[in-house]
Amino acid sequence: MIGFIIAAIVIMGAGTVLSIMGDQIAVITGLGSSFVGSLLVGATTSLPEAVSVLIALRLKNINLAMGSILGRYIFNMLILEGSDLIYREGAIITSVLDSHLTTAICVTILSVIAIWVVFMKKA
């Protein structure tokens, strides 16, 4: 139990540092916080899931790999939906930059294609 609590604190601290470092990278490079947040921080936080998908594919467990990919996307959408209830300045979607909308639309399209492929394979 103590090990779990320590690991949770380390993960929360690392997430905070990652967010701060992402802002600093955006300022130093001039790439923009939206780009850094969507691409660099997003890729960094996705690495553990990418490793689990790679291992599932090496074990030839396609269902586990697809479940991990689609499950993460669905979980993230549920987090946004829940956050929308707490956000007091209207809908979250109206407050984001266009680059985030583009990213969300692209991810949604790719997820729909992935789900379609899974259903087509079953038929």
PDB file of N, CA and C in Angstrom:
ATOM      1  N   MET A   1       0.826  -1.193   0.000  1.00  0.00           N
ATOM      2  CA  MET A   1       0.000   0.000   0.000  1.00  0.00           C
ATOM      3  C   MET A   1       0.870   1.256   0.000  1.00  0.00           C
ATOM      4  N   ILE A   2       1.915   1.250   0.791  1.00  0.00           N
ATOM      5  CA  ILE A   2       2.805   2.409   0.856  1.00  0.00           C
ATOM      6  C   ILE A   2       3.498   2.617  -0.492  1.00  0.00           C
ATOM      7  N   GLY A   3       3.906   1.515  -1.121  1.00  0.00           N
ATOM      8  CA  GLY A   3       4.526   1.605  -2.447  1.00  0.00           C
ATOM      9  C   GLY A   3       3.577   2.205  -3.474  1.00  0.00           C
ATOM     10  N   PHE A   4       2.306   1.816  -3.396  1.00  0.00           N
ATOM     11  CA  PHE A   4       1.303   2.362  -4.316  1.00  0.00           C
ATOM     12  C   PHE A   4       1.133   3.861  -4.107  1.00  0.00           C
ATOM     13  N   ILE A   5       1.053   4.282  -2.853  1.00  0.00           N
ATOM     14  CA  ILE A   5       0.893   5.710  -2.540  1.00  0.00           C
ATOM     15  C   ILE A   5       2.099   6.499  -3.023  1.00  0.00           C
ATOM     16  N   ILE A   6       3.302   5.964  -2.801  1.00  0.00           N
ATOM     17  CA  ILE A   6       4.514   6.645  -3.271  1.00  0.00           C
ATOM     18  C   ILE A   6       4.521   6.742  -4.793  1.00  0.00           C
ATOM     19  N   ALA A   7       4.157   5.647  -5.465  1.00  0.00           N
ATOM     20  CA  ALA A   7       4.113   5.664  -6.935  1.00  0.00           C
ATOM     21  C   ALA A   7       3.088   6.672  -7.439  1.00  0.00           C
ATOM     22  N   ALA A   8       1.928   6.757  -6.786  1.00  0.00           N
ATOM     23  CA  ALA A   8       0.897   7.717  -7.188  1.00  0.00           C
ATOM     24  C   ALA A   8       1.393   9.147  -7.029  1.00  0.00           C
ATOM     25  N   ILE A   9       2.095   9.422  -5.935  1.00  0.00           N
ATOM     26  CA  ILE A   9       2.635  10.768  -5.712  1.00  0.00           C
ATOM     27  C   ILE A   9       3.693  11.092  -6.763  1.00  0.00           C
ATOM     28  N   VAL A  10       4.545  10.132  -7.087  1.00  0.00           N
ATOM     29  CA  VAL A  10       5.569  10.344  -8.121  1.00  0.00           C
ATOM     30  C   VAL A  10       4.912  10.618  -9.472  1.00  0.00           C
ATOM     31  N   ILE A  11       3.881   9.874  -9.806  1.00  0.00           N
ATOM     32  CA  ILE A  11       3.190  10.077 -11.085  1.00  0.00           C
ATOM     33  C   ILE A  11       2.525  11.450 -11.131  1.00  0.00           C
ATOM     34  N   MET A  12       1.890  11.858 -10.039  1.00  0.00           N
ATOM     35  CA  MET A  12       1.268  13.188 -10.010  1.00  0.00           C
ATOM     36  C   MET A  12       2.331  14.279 -10.139  1.00  0.00           C
ATOM     37  N   GLY A  13       3.449  14.106  -9.471  1.00  0.00           N
ATOM     38  CA  GLY A  13       4.532  15.080  -9.582  1.00  0.00           C
ATOM     39  C   GLY A  13       5.112  15.128 -10.985  1.00  0.00           C
ATOM     40  N   ALA A  14       5.322  13.960 -11.584  1.00  0.00           N
ATOM     41  CA  ALA A  14       5.862  13.907 -12.940  1.00  0.00           C
ATOM     42  C   ALA A  14       4.896  14.533 -13.937  1.00  0.00           C
ATOM     43  N   GLY A  15       3.608  14.321 -13.749  1.00  0.00           N
ATOM     44  CA  GLY A  15       2.615  14.942 -14.634  1.00  0.00           C
ATOM     45  C   GLY A  15       2.627  16.452 -14.532  1.00  0.00           C
ATOM     46  N   THR A  16       2.776  16.947 -13.323  1.00  0.00           N
ATOM     47  CA  THR A  16       2.850  18.393 -13.125  1.00  0.00           C
ATOM     48  C   THR A  16       4.099  18.967 -13.775  1.00  0.00           C
ATOM     49  N   VAL A  17       5.234  18.305 -13.558  1.00  0.00           N
ATOM     50  CA  VAL A  17       6.491  18.760 -14.173  1.00  0.00           C
ATOM     51  C   VAL A  17       6.390  18.699 -15.690  1.00  0.00           C
ATOM     52  N   LEU A  18       5.772  17.647 -16.232  1.00  0.00           N
ATOM     53  CA  LEU A  18       5.605  17.518 -17.676  1.00  0.00           C
ATOM     54  C   LEU A  18       4.804  18.678 -18.244  1.00  0.00           C
ATOM     55  N   SER A  19       3.758  19.063 -17.560  1.00  0.00           N
ATOM     56  CA  SER A  19       2.932  20.179 -18.007  1.00  0.00           C
ATOM     57  C   SER A  19       3.721  21.490 -17.988  1.00  0.00           C
ATOM     58  N   ILE A  20       4.443  21.725 -16.923  1.00  0.00           N
ATOM     59  CA  ILE A  20       5.255  22.949 -16.815  1.00  0.00           C
ATOM     60  C   ILE A  20       6.353  22.961 -17.875  1.00  0.00           C
ATOM     61  N   MET A  21       7.012  21.836 -18.070  1.00  0.00           N
ATOM     62  CA  MET A  21       8.077  21.760 -19.076  1.00  0.00           C
ATOM     63  C   MET A  21       7.512  21.945 -20.487  1.00  0.00           C
ATOM     64  N   GLY A  22       6.322  21.428 -20.728  1.00  0.00           N
ATOM     65  CA  GLY A  22       5.682  21.637 -22.027  1.00  0.00           C
ATOM     66  C   GLY A  22       5.447  23.112 -22.298  1.00  0.00           C
ATOM     67  N   ASP A  23       4.991  23.843 -21.287  1.00  0.00           N
ATOM     68  CA  ASP A  23       4.820  25.291 -21.445  1.00  0.00           C
ATOM     69  C   ASP A  23       6.142  25.979 -21.722  1.00  0.00           C
ATOM     70  N   GLN A  24       7.191  25.572 -21.020  1.00  0.00           N
ATOM     71  CA  GLN A  24       8.502  26.177 -21.236  1.00  0.00           C
ATOM     72  C   GLN A  24       9.046  25.865 -22.624  1.00  0.00           C
ATOM     73  N   ILE A  25       8.846  24.643 -23.093  1.00  0.00           N
ATOM     74  CA  ILE A  25       9.277  24.279 -24.449  1.00  0.00           C
ATOM     75  C   ILE A  25       8.545  25.135 -25.472  1.00  0.00           C
ATOM     76  N   ALA A  26       7.257  25.351 -25.267  1.00  0.00           N
ATOM     77  CA  ALA A  26       6.468  26.174 -26.196  1.00  0.00           C
ATOM     78  C   ALA A  26       6.994  27.599 -26.236  1.00  0.00           C
ATOM     79  N   VAL A  27       7.339  28.157 -25.081  1.00  0.00           N
ATOM     80  CA  VAL A  27       7.841  29.530 -25.027  1.00  0.00           C
ATOM     81  C   VAL A  27       9.220  29.629 -25.661  1.00  0.00           C
ATOM     82  N   ILE A  28      10.117  28.711 -25.335  1.00  0.00           N
ATOM     83  CA  ILE A  28      11.496  28.768 -25.834  1.00  0.00           C
ATOM     84  C   ILE A  28      11.557  28.545 -27.337  1.00  0.00           C
ATOM     85  N   THR A  29      10.825  27.562 -27.841  1.00  0.00           N
ATOM     86  CA  THR A  29      10.889  27.234 -29.269  1.00  0.00           C
ATOM     87  C   THR A  29       9.965  28.082 -30.122  1.00  0.00           C
ATOM     88  N   GLY A  30       8.952  28.665 -29.501  1.00  0.00           N
ATOM     89  CA  GLY A  30       7.982  29.441 -30.260  1.00  0.00           C
ATOM     90  C   GLY A  30       7.005  28.590 -31.039  1.00  0.00           C
ATOM     91  N   LEU A  31       6.916  27.312 -30.720  1.00  0.00           N
ATOM     92  CA  LEU A  31       6.022  26.408 -31.445  1.00  0.00           C
ATOM     93  C   LEU A  31       4.553  26.626 -31.102  1.00  0.00           C
ATOM     94  N   GLY A  32       4.284  27.199 -29.960  1.00  0.00           N
ATOM     95  CA  GLY A  32       2.905  27.399 -29.533  1.00  0.00           C
ATOM     96  C   GLY A  32       2.493  26.327 -28.556  1.00  0.00           C
ATOM     97  N   SER A  33       1.769  26.741 -27.539  1.00  0.00           N
ATOM     98  CA  SER A  33       1.375  25.798 -26.491  1.00  0.00           C
ATOM     99  C   SER A  33       0.393  24.747 -27.004  1.00  0.00           C
ATOM    100  N   SER A  34      -0.429  25.091 -27.990  1.00  0.00           N
ATOM    101  CA  SER A  34      -1.371  24.112 -28.537  1.00  0.00           C
ATOM    102  C   SER A  34      -0.632  22.979 -29.234  1.00  0.00           C
ATOM    103  N   PHE A  35       0.365  23.335 -30.028  1.00  0.00           N
ATOM    104  CA  PHE A  35       1.148  22.319 -30.738  1.00  0.00           C
ATOM    105  C   PHE A  35       1.897  21.432 -29.758  1.00  0.00           C
ATOM    106  N   VAL A  36       2.587  22.054 -28.821  1.00  0.00           N
ATOM    107  CA  VAL A  36       3.371  21.291 -27.839  1.00  0.00           C
ATOM    108  C   VAL A  36       2.450  20.410 -27.007  1.00  0.00           C
ATOM    109  N   GLY A  37       1.322  20.957 -26.568  1.00  0.00           N
ATOM    110  CA  GLY A  37       0.395  20.172 -25.757  1.00  0.00           C
ATOM    111  C   GLY A  37      -0.212  19.014 -26.521  1.00  0.00           C
ATOM    112  N   SER A  38      -0.619  19.273 -27.755  1.00  0.00           N
ATOM    113  CA  SER A  38      -1.268  18.217 -28.544  1.00  0.00           C
ATOM    114  C   SER A  38      -0.291  17.152 -29.000  1.00  0.00           C
ATOM    115  N   LEU A  39       0.872  17.575 -29.436  1.00  0.00           N
ATOM    116  CA  LEU A  39       1.790  16.614 -30.032  1.00  0.00           C
ATOM    117  C   LEU A  39       2.796  16.057 -29.029  1.00  0.00           C
ATOM    118  N   LEU A  40       3.601  16.923 -28.440  1.00  0.00           N
ATOM    119  CA  LEU A  40       4.686  16.430 -27.595  1.00  0.00           C
ATOM    120  C   LEU A  40       4.193  15.863 -26.263  1.00  0.00           C
ATOM    121  N   VAL A  41       3.391  16.621 -25.536  1.00  0.00           N
ATOM    122  CA  VAL A  41       2.889  16.131 -24.248  1.00  0.00           C
ATOM    123  C   VAL A  41       1.934  14.959 -24.477  1.00  0.00           C
ATOM    124  N   GLY A  42       1.100  15.058 -25.507  1.00  0.00           N
ATOM    125  CA  GLY A  42       0.188  13.952 -25.822  1.00  0.00           C
ATOM    126  C   GLY A  42       0.933  12.674 -26.158  1.00  0.00           C
ATOM    127  N   ALA A  43       2.003  12.793 -26.948  1.00  0.00           N
ATOM    128  CA  ALA A  43       2.791  11.610 -27.289  1.00  0.00           C
ATOM    129  C   ALA A  43       3.479  11.030 -26.060  1.00  0.00           C
ATOM    130  N   THR A  44       3.985  11.899 -25.206  1.00  0.00           N
ATOM    131  CA  THR A  44       4.664  11.434 -23.997  1.00  0.00           C
ATOM    132  C   THR A  44       3.718  10.678 -23.075  1.00  0.00           C
ATOM    133  N   THR A  45       2.528  11.199 -22.894  1.00  0.00           N
ATOM    134  CA  THR A  45       1.585  10.524 -22.006  1.00  0.00           C
ATOM    135  C   THR A  45       0.989   9.271 -22.644  1.00  0.00           C
ATOM    136  N   SER A  46       1.127   9.128 -23.952  1.00  0.00           N
ATOM    137  CA  SER A  46       0.597   7.956 -24.642  1.00  0.00           C
ATOM    138  C   SER A  46       1.602   6.811 -24.725  1.00  0.00           C
ATOM    139  N   LEU A  47       2.849   7.051 -24.357  1.00  0.00           N
ATOM    140  CA  LEU A  47       3.868   6.007 -24.480  1.00  0.00           C
ATOM    141  C   LEU A  47       3.544   4.733 -23.698  1.00  0.00           C
ATOM    142  N   PRO A  48       3.042   4.816 -22.457  1.00  0.00           N
ATOM    143  CA  PRO A  48       2.714   3.555 -21.767  1.00  0.00           C
ATOM    144  C   PRO A  48       1.657   2.726 -22.502  1.00  0.00           C
ATOM    145  N   GLU A  49       0.643   3.382 -23.044  1.00  0.00           N
ATOM    146  CA  GLU A  49      -0.382   2.655 -23.800  1.00  0.00           C
ATOM    147  C   GLU A  49       0.193   2.098 -25.096  1.00  0.00           C
ATOM    148  N   ALA A  50       1.102   2.848 -25.718  1.00  0.00           N
ATOM    149  CA  ALA A  50       1.723   2.367 -26.950  1.00  0.00           C
ATOM    150  C   ALA A  50       2.536   1.104 -26.689  1.00  0.00           C
ATOM    151  N   VAL A  51       3.225   1.057 -25.572  1.00  0.00           N
ATOM    152  CA  VAL A  51       4.002  -0.133 -25.219  1.00  0.00           C
ATOM    153  C   VAL A  51       3.077  -1.315 -24.967  1.00  0.00           C
ATOM    154  N   SER A  52       1.967  -1.087 -24.268  1.00  0.00           N
ATOM    155  CA  SER A  52       1.047  -2.199 -24.003  1.00  0.00           C
ATOM    156  C   SER A  52       0.402  -2.697 -25.296  1.00  0.00           C
ATOM    157  N   VAL A  53       0.119  -1.798 -26.232  1.00  0.00           N
ATOM    158  CA  VAL A  53      -0.422  -2.217 -27.529  1.00  0.00           C
ATOM    159  C   VAL A  53       0.627  -3.007 -28.301  1.00  0.00           C
ATOM    160  N   LEU A  54       1.878  -2.549 -28.274  1.00  0.00           N
ATOM    161  CA  LEU A  54       2.951  -3.262 -28.969  1.00  0.00           C
ATOM    162  C   LEU A  54       3.127  -4.669 -28.409  1.00  0.00           C
ATOM    163  N   ILE A  55       3.094  -4.795 -27.102  1.00  0.00           N
ATOM    164  CA  ILE A  55       3.223  -6.113 -26.480  1.00  0.00           C
ATOM    165  C   ILE A  55       2.032  -6.993 -26.843  1.00  0.00           C
ATOM    166  N   ALA A  56       0.835  -6.417 -26.831  1.00  0.00           N
ATOM    167  CA  ALA A  56      -0.348  -7.195 -27.214  1.00  0.00           C
ATOM    168  C   ALA A  56      -0.239  -7.678 -28.656  1.00  0.00           C
ATOM    169  N   LEU A  57       0.269  -6.833 -29.532  1.00  0.00           N
ATOM    170  CA  LEU A  57       0.436  -7.243 -30.930  1.00  0.00           C
ATOM    171  C   LEU A  57       1.506  -8.314 -31.072  1.00  0.00           C
ATOM    172  N   ARG A  58       2.586  -8.213 -30.303  1.00  0.00           N
ATOM    173  CA  ARG A  58       3.626  -9.244 -30.349  1.00  0.00           C
ATOM    174  C   ARG A  58       3.099 -10.590 -29.853  1.00  0.00           C
ATOM    175  N   LEU A  59       2.136 -10.528 -28.919  1.00  0.00           N
ATOM    176  CA  LEU A  59       1.505 -11.750 -28.422  1.00  0.00           C
ATOM    177  C   LEU A  59       0.366 -12.212 -29.324  1.00  0.00           C
ATOM    178  N   LYS A  60       0.169 -11.472 -30.430  1.00  0.00           N
ATOM    179  CA  LYS A  60      -0.894 -11.762 -31.401  1.00  0.00           C
ATOM    180  C   LYS A  60      -2.285 -11.680 -30.770  1.00  0.00           C
ATOM    181  N   ASN A  61      -2.445 -10.770 -29.812  1.00  0.00           N
ATOM    182  CA  ASN A  61      -3.738 -10.548 -29.163  1.00  0.00           C
ATOM    183  C   ASN A  61      -4.311  -9.232 -29.692  1.00  0.00           C
ATOM    184  N   ILE A  62      -4.903  -9.307 -30.868  1.00  0.00           N
ATOM    185  CA  ILE A  62      -5.429  -8.129 -31.546  1.00  0.00           C
ATOM    186  C   ILE A  62      -6.563  -7.497 -30.742  1.00  0.00           C
ATOM    187  N   ASN A  63      -7.397  -8.322 -30.117  1.00  0.00           N
ATOM    188  CA  ASN A  63      -8.514  -7.783 -29.329  1.00  0.00           C
ATOM    189  C   ASN A  63      -8.026  -6.915 -28.181  1.00  0.00           C
ATOM    190  N   LEU A  64      -6.973  -7.341 -27.507  1.00  0.00           N
ATOM    191  CA  LEU A  64      -6.417  -6.559 -26.415  1.00  0.00           C
ATOM    192  C   LEU A  64      -5.845  -5.243 -26.936  1.00  0.00           C
ATOM    193  N   ALA A  65      -5.160  -5.288 -28.058  1.00  0.00           N
ATOM    194  CA  ALA A  65      -4.583  -4.081 -28.640  1.00  0.00           C
ATOM    195  C   ALA A  65      -5.672  -3.083 -29.037  1.00  0.00           C
ATOM    196  N   MET A  66      -6.700  -3.550 -29.726  1.00  0.00           N
ATOM    197  CA  MET A  66      -7.780  -2.649 -30.141  1.00  0.00           C
ATOM    198  C   MET A  66      -8.559  -2.135 -28.944  1.00  0.00           C
ATOM    199  N   GLY A  67      -8.770  -3.001 -27.959  1.00  0.00           N
ATOM    200  CA  GLY A  67      -9.468  -2.567 -26.749  1.00  0.00           C
ATOM    201  C   GLY A  67      -8.693  -1.484 -26.020  1.00  0.00           C
ATOM    202  N   SER A  68      -7.382  -1.602 -26.001  1.00  0.00           N
ATOM    203  CA  SER A  68      -6.558  -0.592 -25.346  1.00  0.00           C
ATOM    204  C   SER A  68      -6.630   0.737 -26.084  1.00  0.00           C
ATOM    205  N   ILE A  69      -6.534   0.692 -27.396  1.00  0.00           N
ATOM    206  CA  ILE A  69      -6.559   1.923 -28.197  1.00  0.00           C
ATOM    207  C   ILE A  69      -7.917   2.607 -28.073  1.00  0.00           C
ATOM    208  N   LEU A  70      -8.979   1.876 -28.344  1.00  0.00           N
ATOM    209  CA  LEU A  70     -10.312   2.473 -28.321  1.00  0.00           C
ATOM    210  C   LEU A  70     -10.764   2.796 -26.902  1.00  0.00           C
ATOM    211  N   GLY A  71     -10.369   1.972 -25.944  1.00  0.00           N
ATOM    212  CA  GLY A  71     -10.737   2.228 -24.556  1.00  0.00           C
ATOM    213  C   GLY A  71     -10.137   3.514 -24.029  1.00  0.00           C
ATOM    214  N   ARG A  72      -8.900   3.783 -24.398  1.00  0.00           N
ATOM    215  CA  ARG A  72      -8.266   5.035 -23.951  1.00  0.00           C
ATOM    216  C   ARG A  72      -8.982   6.233 -24.555  1.00  0.00           C
ATOM    217  N   TYR A  73      -9.306   6.146 -25.815  1.00  0.00           N
ATOM    218  CA  TYR A  73      -9.996   7.261 -26.470  1.00  0.00           C
ATOM    219  C   TYR A  73     -11.360   7.504 -25.819  1.00  0.00           C
ATOM    220  N   ILE A  74     -12.099   6.439 -25.590  1.00  0.00           N
ATOM    221  CA  ILE A  74     -13.423   6.582 -24.978  1.00  0.00           C
ATOM    222  C   ILE A  74     -13.309   7.133 -23.559  1.00  0.00           C
ATOM    223  N   PHE A  75     -12.316   6.652 -22.812  1.00  0.00           N
ATOM    224  CA  PHE A  75     -12.111   7.157 -21.449  1.00  0.00           C
ATOM    225  C   PHE A  75     -11.791   8.649 -21.468  1.00  0.00           C
ATOM    226  N   ASN A  76     -10.935   9.075 -22.390  1.00  0.00           N
ATOM    227  CA  ASN A  76     -10.602  10.500 -22.495  1.00  0.00           C
ATOM    228  C   ASN A  76     -11.826  11.337 -22.852  1.00  0.00           C
ATOM    229  N   MET A  77     -12.688  10.828 -23.714  1.00  0.00           N
ATOM    230  CA  MET A  77     -13.898  11.561 -24.055  1.00  0.00           C
ATOM    231  C   MET A  77     -14.833  11.665 -22.846  1.00  0.00           C
ATOM    232  N   LEU A  78     -14.880  10.614 -22.027  1.00  0.00           N
ATOM    233  CA  LEU A  78     -15.705  10.660 -20.815  1.00  0.00           C
ATOM    234  C   LEU A  78     -15.148  11.672 -19.812  1.00  0.00           C
ATOM    235  N   ILE A  79     -13.829  11.790 -19.738  1.00  0.00           N
ATOM    236  CA  ILE A  79     -13.223  12.806 -18.865  1.00  0.00           C
ATOM    237  C   ILE A  79     -13.638  14.195 -19.329  1.00  0.00           C
ATOM    238  N   LEU A  80     -13.598  14.432 -20.638  1.00  0.00           N
ATOM    239  CA  LEU A  80     -14.015  15.737 -21.161  1.00  0.00           C
ATOM    240  C   LEU A  80     -15.491  16.002 -20.883  1.00  0.00           C
ATOM    241  N   GLU A  81     -16.297  14.981 -21.046  1.00  0.00           N
ATOM    242  CA  GLU A  81     -17.728  15.141 -20.791  1.00  0.00           C
ATOM    243  C   GLU A  81     -17.988  15.468 -19.322  1.00  0.00           C
ATOM    244  N   GLY A  82     -17.301  14.780 -18.430  1.00  0.00           N
ATOM    245  CA  GLY A  82     -17.445  15.066 -17.005  1.00  0.00           C
ATOM    246  C   GLY A  82     -16.917  16.446 -16.643  1.00  0.00           C
ATOM    247  N   SER A  83     -15.826  16.852 -17.276  1.00  0.00           N
ATOM    248  CA  SER A  83     -15.258  18.182 -17.028  1.00  0.00           C
ATOM    249  C   SER A  83     -16.195  19.271 -17.526  1.00  0.00           C
ATOM    250  N   ASP A  84     -16.934  18.973 -18.545  1.00  0.00           N
ATOM    251  CA  ASP A  84     -17.875  19.947 -19.096  1.00  0.00           C
ATOM    252  C   ASP A  84     -18.964  20.298 -18.081  1.00  0.00           C
ATOM    253  N   LEU A  85     -19.295  19.341 -17.231  1.00  0.00           N
ATOM    254  CA  LEU A  85     -20.294  19.597 -16.200  1.00  0.00           C
ATOM    255  C   LEU A  85     -19.779  20.569 -15.134  1.00  0.00           C
ATOM    256  N   ILE A  86     -18.476  20.533 -14.902  1.00  0.00           N
ATOM    257  CA  ILE A  86     -17.867  21.368 -13.868  1.00  0.00           C
ATOM    258  C   ILE A  86     -17.490  22.749 -14.408  1.00  0.00           C
ATOM    259  N   TYR A  87     -17.142  22.825 -15.679  1.00  0.00           N
ATOM    260  CA  TYR A  87     -16.695  24.078 -16.301  1.00  0.00           C
ATOM    261  C   TYR A  87     -17.855  25.072 -16.328  1.00  0.00           C
ATOM    262  N   ARG A  88     -17.670  26.237 -15.739  1.00  0.00           N
ATOM    263  CA  ARG A  88     -18.757  27.194 -15.534  1.00  0.00           C
ATOM    264  C   ARG A  88     -18.907  28.247 -16.637  1.00  0.00           C
ATOM    265  N   GLU A  89     -17.986  28.297 -17.580  1.00  0.00           N
ATOM    266  CA  GLU A  89     -18.053  29.337 -18.611  1.00  0.00           C
ATOM    267  C   GLU A  89     -18.665  28.832 -19.912  1.00  0.00           C
ATOM    268  N   GLY A  90     -19.582  27.901 -19.829  1.00  0.00           N
ATOM    269  CA  GLY A  90     -20.224  27.347 -21.012  1.00  0.00           C
ATOM    270  C   GLY A  90     -19.629  25.986 -21.358  1.00  0.00           C
ATOM    271  N   ALA A  91     -19.835  25.572 -22.584  1.00  0.00           N
ATOM    272  CA  ALA A  91     -19.295  24.298 -23.045  1.00  0.00           C
ATOM    273  C   ALA A  91     -17.795  24.425 -23.270  1.00  0.00           C
ATOM    274  N   ILE A  92     -17.049  23.407 -22.896  1.00  0.00           N
ATOM    275  CA  ILE A  92     -15.597  23.431 -23.065  1.00  0.00           C
ATOM    276  C   ILE A  92     -15.240  23.588 -24.538  1.00  0.00           C
ATOM    277  N   ILE A  93     -15.982  22.951 -25.410  1.00  0.00           N
ATOM    278  CA  ILE A  93     -15.668  22.963 -26.842  1.00  0.00           C
ATOM    279  C   ILE A  93     -15.682  24.377 -27.418  1.00  0.00           C
ATOM    280  N   THR A  94     -16.444  25.286 -26.808  1.00  0.00           N
ATOM    281  CA  THR A  94     -16.491  26.665 -27.315  1.00  0.00           C
ATOM    282  C   THR A  94     -15.300  27.489 -26.851  1.00  0.00           C
ATOM    283  N   SER A  95     -14.528  26.968 -25.903  1.00  0.00           N
ATOM    284  CA  SER A  95     -13.411  27.718 -25.341  1.00  0.00           C
ATOM    285  C   SER A  95     -12.047  27.274 -25.858  1.00  0.00           C
ATOM    286  N   VAL A  96     -12.000  26.262 -26.689  1.00  0.00           N
ATOM    287  CA  VAL A  96     -10.708  25.745 -27.148  1.00  0.00           C
ATOM    288  C   VAL A  96     -10.300  26.404 -28.464  1.00  0.00           C
ATOM    289  N   LEU A  97      -8.997  26.332 -28.742  1.00  0.00           N
ATOM    290  CA  LEU A  97      -8.478  26.877 -29.993  1.00  0.00           C
ATOM    291  C   LEU A  97      -8.870  25.974 -31.161  1.00  0.00           C
ATOM    292  N   ASP A  98      -8.845  26.542 -32.354  1.00  0.00           N
ATOM    293  CA  ASP A  98      -9.197  25.767 -33.545  1.00  0.00           C
ATOM    294  C   ASP A  98      -8.270  24.576 -33.755  1.00  0.00           C
ATOM    295  N   SER A  99      -7.004  24.714 -33.354  1.00  0.00           N
ATOM    296  CA  SER A  99      -6.072  23.601 -33.534  1.00  0.00           C
ATOM    297  C   SER A  99      -6.500  22.385 -32.709  1.00  0.00           C
ATOM    298  N   HIS A 100      -7.087  22.614 -31.549  1.00  0.00           N
ATOM    299  CA  HIS A 100      -7.575  21.495 -30.743  1.00  0.00           C
ATOM    300  C   HIS A 100      -8.805  20.867 -31.380  1.00  0.00           C
ATOM    301  N   LEU A 101      -9.642  21.676 -31.995  1.00  0.00           N
ATOM    302  CA  LEU A 101     -10.799  21.130 -32.701  1.00  0.00           C
ATOM    303  C   LEU A 101     -10.343  20.249 -33.861  1.00  0.00           C
ATOM    304  N   THR A 102      -9.323  20.706 -34.568  1.00  0.00           N
ATOM    305  CA  THR A 102      -8.785  19.920 -35.678  1.00  0.00           C
ATOM    306  C   THR A 102      -8.244  18.593 -35.171  1.00  0.00           C
ATOM    307  N   THR A 103      -7.507  18.630 -34.072  1.00  0.00           N
ATOM    308  CA  THR A 103      -6.977  17.405 -33.490  1.00  0.00           C
ATOM    309  C   THR A 103      -8.111  16.478 -33.075  1.00  0.00           C
ATOM    310  N   ALA A 104      -9.120  16.999 -32.418  1.00  0.00           N
ATOM    311  CA  ALA A 104     -10.252  16.184 -31.967  1.00  0.00           C
ATOM    312  C   ALA A 104     -11.002  15.567 -33.146  1.00  0.00           C
ATOM    313  N   ILE A 105     -11.195  16.336 -34.201  1.00  0.00           N
ATOM    314  CA  ILE A 105     -11.893  15.812 -35.382  1.00  0.00           C
ATOM    315  C   ILE A 105     -11.085  14.697 -36.031  1.00  0.00           C
ATOM    316  N   CYS A 106      -9.767  14.894 -36.153  1.00  0.00           N
ATOM    317  CA  CYS A 106      -8.910  13.862 -36.752  1.00  0.00           C
ATOM    318  C   CYS A 106      -8.916  12.579 -35.934  1.00  0.00           C
ATOM    319  N   VAL A 107      -8.811  12.707 -34.618  1.00  0.00           N
ATOM    320  CA  VAL A 107      -8.828  11.524 -33.754  1.00  0.00           C
ATOM    321  C   VAL A 107     -10.180  10.826 -33.822  1.00  0.00           C
ATOM    322  N   THR A 108     -11.247  11.590 -33.883  1.00  0.00           N
ATOM    323  CA  THR A 108     -12.580  10.995 -33.990  1.00  0.00           C
ATOM    324  C   THR A 108     -12.729  10.231 -35.298  1.00  0.00           C
ATOM    325  N   ILE A 109     -12.266  10.821 -36.391  1.00  0.00           N
ATOM    326  CA  ILE A 109     -12.339  10.140 -37.691  1.00  0.00           C
ATOM    327  C   ILE A 109     -11.532   8.851 -37.674  1.00  0.00           C
ATOM    328  N   LEU A 110     -10.311   8.900 -37.125  1.00  0.00           N
ATOM    329  CA  LEU A 110      -9.483   7.695 -37.056  1.00  0.00           C
ATOM    330  C   LEU A 110     -10.120   6.629 -36.168  1.00  0.00           C
ATOM    331  N   SER A 111     -10.757   7.038 -35.084  1.00  0.00           N
ATOM    332  CA  SER A 111     -11.422   6.080 -34.204  1.00  0.00           C
ATOM    333  C   SER A 111     -12.624   5.443 -34.885  1.00  0.00           C
ATOM    334  N   VAL A 112     -13.388   6.229 -35.617  1.00  0.00           N
ATOM    335  CA  VAL A 112     -14.534   5.681 -36.358  1.00  0.00           C
ATOM    336  C   VAL A 112     -14.053   4.680 -37.400  1.00  0.00           C
ATOM    337  N   ILE A 113     -12.961   4.996 -38.080  1.00  0.00           N
ATOM    338  CA  ILE A 113     -12.400   4.064 -39.064  1.00  0.00           C
ATOM    339  C   ILE A 113     -11.958   2.774 -38.378  1.00  0.00           C
ATOM    340  N   ALA A 114     -11.297   2.895 -37.221  1.00  0.00           N
ATOM    341  CA  ALA A 114     -10.847   1.701 -36.494  1.00  0.00           C
ATOM    342  C   ALA A 114     -12.027   0.849 -36.058  1.00  0.00           C
ATOM    343  N   ILE A 115     -13.066   1.466 -35.543  1.00  0.00           N
ATOM    344  CA  ILE A 115     -14.259   0.716 -35.123  1.00  0.00           C
ATOM    345  C   ILE A 115     -14.926   0.068 -36.332  1.00  0.00           C
ATOM    346  N   TRP A 116     -14.981   0.793 -37.430  1.00  0.00           N
ATOM    347  CA  TRP A 116     -15.575   0.248 -38.661  1.00  0.00           C
ATOM    348  C   TRP A 116     -14.804  -0.980 -39.131  1.00  0.00           C
ATOM    349  N   VAL A 117     -13.469  -0.906 -39.087  1.00  0.00           N
ATOM    350  CA  VAL A 117     -12.639  -2.045 -39.500  1.00  0.00           C
ATOM    351  C   VAL A 117     -12.904  -3.260 -38.608  1.00  0.00           C
ATOM    352  N   VAL A 118     -13.033  -3.018 -37.301  1.00  0.00           N
ATOM    353  CA  VAL A 118     -13.317  -4.121 -36.383  1.00  0.00           C
ATOM    354  C   VAL A 118     -14.656  -4.760 -36.712  1.00  0.00           C
ATOM    355  N   PHE A 119     -15.691  -3.945 -36.948  1.00  0.00           N
ATOM    356  CA  PHE A 119     -17.001  -4.509 -37.275  1.00  0.00           C
ATOM    357  C   PHE A 119     -17.010  -5.198 -38.642  1.00  0.00           C
ATOM    358  N   MET A 120     -16.273  -4.673 -39.602  1.00  0.00           N
ATOM    359  CA  MET A 120     -16.215  -5.295 -40.920  1.00  0.00           C
ATOM    360  C   MET A 120     -15.523  -6.650 -40.858  1.00  0.00           C
ATOM    361  N   LYS A 121     -14.522  -6.754 -39.992  1.00  0.00           N
ATOM    362  CA  LYS A 121     -13.808  -8.026 -39.855  1.00  0.00           C
ATOM    363  C   LYS A 121     -14.711  -9.095 -39.241  1.00  0.00           C
ATOM    364  N   LYS A 122     -15.614  -8.693 -38.357  1.00  0.00           N
ATOM    365  CA  LYS A 122     -16.530  -9.644 -37.719  1.00  0.00           C
ATOM    366  C   LYS A 122     -17.548 -10.199 -38.720  1.00  0.00           C
ATOM    367  N   ALA A 123     -17.893  -9.389 -39.735  1.00  0.00           N
ATOM    368  CA  ALA A 123     -18.934  -9.787 -40.687  1.00  0.00           C
ATOM    369  C   ALA A 123     -18.476 -10.797 -41.674  1.00  0.00           C
TER     370      ALA A 123
END
